[in-house]
């Protein structure tokens, strides 16, 4: 998802891990500001 706030553009991802994939269990919401 992308959105704009305060004149800046952001990309947001929702990520998660799962034991059957060999990754650490957890859920994350991450936002990155674009240049």
PDB file of N, CA and C in Angstrom:
ATOM      1  N   UNK A   1       0.855  -1.156   0.000  1.00  0.00           N
ATOM      2  CA  UNK A   1       0.000   0.000   0.000  1.00  0.00           C
ATOM      3  C   UNK A   1       0.904   1.222   0.000  1.00  0.00           C
ATOM      4  N   UNK A   2       0.485   2.277  -0.650  1.00  0.00           N
ATOM      5  CA  UNK A   2       1.202   3.550  -0.599  1.00  0.00           C
ATOM      6  C   UNK A   2       0.241   4.626  -0.138  1.00  0.00           C
ATOM      7  N   UNK A   3       0.810   5.652   0.469  1.00  0.00           N
ATOM      8  CA  UNK A   3      -0.007   6.794   0.858  1.00  0.00           C
ATOM      9  C   UNK A   3       0.860   8.025   0.969  1.00  0.00           C
ATOM     10  N   UNK A   4       0.228   9.174   0.984  1.00  0.00           N
ATOM     11  CA  UNK A   4       0.921  10.447   1.108  1.00  0.00           C
ATOM     12  C   UNK A   4       0.470  11.118   2.396  1.00  0.00           C
ATOM     13  N   UNK A   5       1.440  11.680   3.108  1.00  0.00           N
ATOM     14  CA  UNK A   5       1.150  12.421   4.336  1.00  0.00           C
ATOM     15  C   UNK A   5       2.206  13.497   4.498  1.00  0.00           C
ATOM     16  N   UNK A   6       1.783  14.697   4.769  1.00  0.00           N
ATOM     17  CA  UNK A   6       2.723  15.790   4.982  1.00  0.00           C
ATOM     18  C   UNK A   6       3.615  16.066   3.786  1.00  0.00           C
ATOM     19  N   UNK A   7       3.107  15.799   2.579  1.00  0.00           N
ATOM     20  CA  UNK A   7       3.881  16.062   1.373  1.00  0.00           C
ATOM     21  C   UNK A   7       4.908  14.988   1.039  1.00  0.00           C
ATOM     22  N   UNK A   8       4.949  13.872   1.771  1.00  0.00           N
ATOM     23  CA  UNK A   8       5.876  12.776   1.499  1.00  0.00           C
ATOM     24  C   UNK A   8       5.089  11.526   1.112  1.00  0.00           C
ATOM     25  N   UNK A   9       5.696  10.695   0.263  1.00  0.00           N
ATOM     26  CA  UNK A   9       5.087   9.443  -0.168  1.00  0.00           C
ATOM     27  C   UNK A   9       5.671   8.297   0.654  1.00  0.00           C
ATOM     28  N   UNK A  10       4.816   7.363   1.082  1.00  0.00           N
ATOM     29  CA  UNK A  10       5.227   6.224   1.895  1.00  0.00           C
ATOM     30  C   UNK A  10       4.747   4.925   1.269  1.00  0.00           C
ATOM     31  N   UNK A  11       5.519   3.861   1.487  1.00  0.00           N
ATOM     32  CA  UNK A  11       5.127   2.501   1.120  1.00  0.00           C
ATOM     33  C   UNK A  11       5.012   1.721   2.420  1.00  0.00           C
ATOM     34  N   UNK A  12       3.902   1.003   2.605  1.00  0.00           N
ATOM     35  CA  UNK A  12       3.675   0.226   3.823  1.00  0.00           C
ATOM     36  C   UNK A  12       3.515  -1.240   3.436  1.00  0.00           C
ATOM     37  N   UNK A  13       4.200  -2.123   4.186  1.00  0.00           N
ATOM     38  CA  UNK A  13       4.060  -3.564   3.979  1.00  0.00           C
ATOM     39  C   UNK A  13       3.647  -4.220   5.287  1.00  0.00           C
ATOM     40  N   UNK A  14       2.907  -5.309   5.173  1.00  0.00           N
ATOM     41  CA  UNK A  14       2.555  -6.136   6.329  1.00  0.00           C
ATOM     42  C   UNK A  14       3.225  -7.483   6.093  1.00  0.00           C
ATOM     43  N   UNK A  15       4.114  -7.871   7.011  1.00  0.00           N
ATOM     44  CA  UNK A  15       4.934  -9.070   6.850  1.00  0.00           C
ATOM     45  C   UNK A  15       4.751  -9.990   8.048  1.00  0.00           C
ATOM     46  N   UNK A  16       4.951 -11.265   7.825  1.00  0.00           N
ATOM     47  CA  UNK A  16       4.866 -12.218   8.928  1.00  0.00           C
ATOM     48  C   UNK A  16       5.747 -13.425   8.682  1.00  0.00           C
ATOM     49  N   UNK A  17       6.092 -14.091   9.762  1.00  0.00           N
ATOM     50  CA  UNK A  17       6.884 -15.311   9.670  1.00  0.00           C
ATOM     51  C   UNK A  17       6.038 -16.505  10.067  1.00  0.00           C
ATOM     52  N   UNK A  18       6.493 -17.682   9.649  1.00  0.00           N
ATOM     53  CA  UNK A  18       5.742 -18.901   9.954  1.00  0.00           C
ATOM     54  C   UNK A  18       6.730 -20.043  10.112  1.00  0.00           C
ATOM     55  N   UNK A  19       6.526 -20.876  11.126  1.00  0.00           N
ATOM     56  CA  UNK A  19       7.437 -21.972  11.420  1.00  0.00           C
ATOM     57  C   UNK A  19       7.664 -22.927  10.265  1.00  0.00           C
ATOM     58  N   UNK A  20       6.633 -23.210   9.470  1.00  0.00           N
ATOM     59  CA  UNK A  20       6.796 -24.163   8.365  1.00  0.00           C
ATOM     60  C   UNK A  20       7.667 -23.600   7.244  1.00  0.00           C
ATOM     61  N   UNK A  21       7.862 -22.282   7.214  1.00  0.00           N
ATOM     62  CA  UNK A  21       8.750 -21.664   6.228  1.00  0.00           C
ATOM     63  C   UNK A  21      10.175 -21.544   6.749  1.00  0.00           C
ATOM     64  N   UNK A  22      10.390 -21.939   8.001  1.00  0.00           N
ATOM     65  CA  UNK A  22      11.719 -21.822   8.592  1.00  0.00           C
ATOM     66  C   UNK A  22      12.071 -20.400   8.982  1.00  0.00           C
ATOM     67  N   UNK A  23      11.053 -19.559   9.142  1.00  0.00           N
ATOM     68  CA  UNK A  23      11.292 -18.173   9.544  1.00  0.00           C
ATOM     69  C   UNK A  23      10.832 -17.970  10.979  1.00  0.00           C
ATOM     70  N   UNK A  24      11.292 -16.899  11.572  1.00  0.00           N
ATOM     71  CA  UNK A  24      10.908 -16.552  12.937  1.00  0.00           C
ATOM     72  C   UNK A  24       9.431 -16.145  12.964  1.00  0.00           C
ATOM     73  N   UNK A  25       8.701 -16.648  13.953  1.00  0.00           N
ATOM     74  CA  UNK A  25       7.294 -16.276  14.088  1.00  0.00           C
ATOM     75  C   UNK A  25       7.174 -14.795  14.420  1.00  0.00           C
ATOM     76  N   UNK A  26       6.199 -14.137  13.824  1.00  0.00           N
ATOM     77  CA  UNK A  26       5.973 -12.736  14.142  1.00  0.00           C
ATOM     78  C   UNK A  26       5.183 -12.044  13.055  1.00  0.00           C
ATOM     79  N   UNK A  27       4.671 -10.890  13.394  1.00  0.00           N
ATOM     80  CA  UNK A  27       3.929 -10.043  12.465  1.00  0.00           C
ATOM     81  C   UNK A  27       4.513  -8.644  12.539  1.00  0.00           C
ATOM     82  N   UNK A  28       4.636  -7.999  11.390  1.00  0.00           N
ATOM     83  CA  UNK A  28       5.256  -6.684  11.332  1.00  0.00           C
ATOM     84  C   UNK A  28       4.476  -5.785  10.380  1.00  0.00           C
ATOM     85  N   UNK A  29       4.392  -4.529  10.715  1.00  0.00           N
ATOM     86  CA  UNK A  29       3.902  -3.493   9.811  1.00  0.00           C
ATOM     87  C   UNK A  29       5.052  -2.517   9.655  1.00  0.00           C
ATOM     88  N   UNK A  30       5.505  -2.333   8.417  1.00  0.00           N
ATOM     89  CA  UNK A  30       6.666  -1.484   8.158  1.00  0.00           C
ATOM     90  C   UNK A  30       6.289  -0.395   7.167  1.00  0.00           C
ATOM     91  N   UNK A  31       6.783   0.803   7.428  1.00  0.00           N
ATOM     92  CA  UNK A  31       6.547   1.935   6.528  1.00  0.00           C
ATOM     93  C   UNK A  31       7.889   2.506   6.095  1.00  0.00           C
ATOM     94  N   UNK A  32       8.012   2.760   4.806  1.00  0.00           N
ATOM     95  CA  UNK A  32       9.229   3.320   4.239  1.00  0.00           C
ATOM     96  C   UNK A  32       8.874   4.626   3.538  1.00  0.00           C
ATOM     97  N   UNK A  33       9.644   5.670   3.812  1.00  0.00           N
ATOM     98  CA  UNK A  33       9.458   6.951   3.126  1.00  0.00           C
ATOM     99  C   UNK A  33      10.239   6.918   1.817  1.00  0.00           C
ATOM    100  N   UNK A  34       9.612   7.335   0.737  1.00  0.00           N
ATOM    101  CA  UNK A  34      10.288   7.406  -0.555  1.00  0.00           C
ATOM    102  C   UNK A  34      11.007   8.738  -0.678  1.00  0.00           C
ATOM    103  N   UNK A  35      12.145   8.728  -1.392  1.00  0.00           N
ATOM    104  CA  UNK A  35      12.901   9.988  -1.545  1.00  0.00           C
ATOM    105  C   UNK A  35      12.183  10.985  -2.437  1.00  0.00           C
TER     106      UNK A  35
END
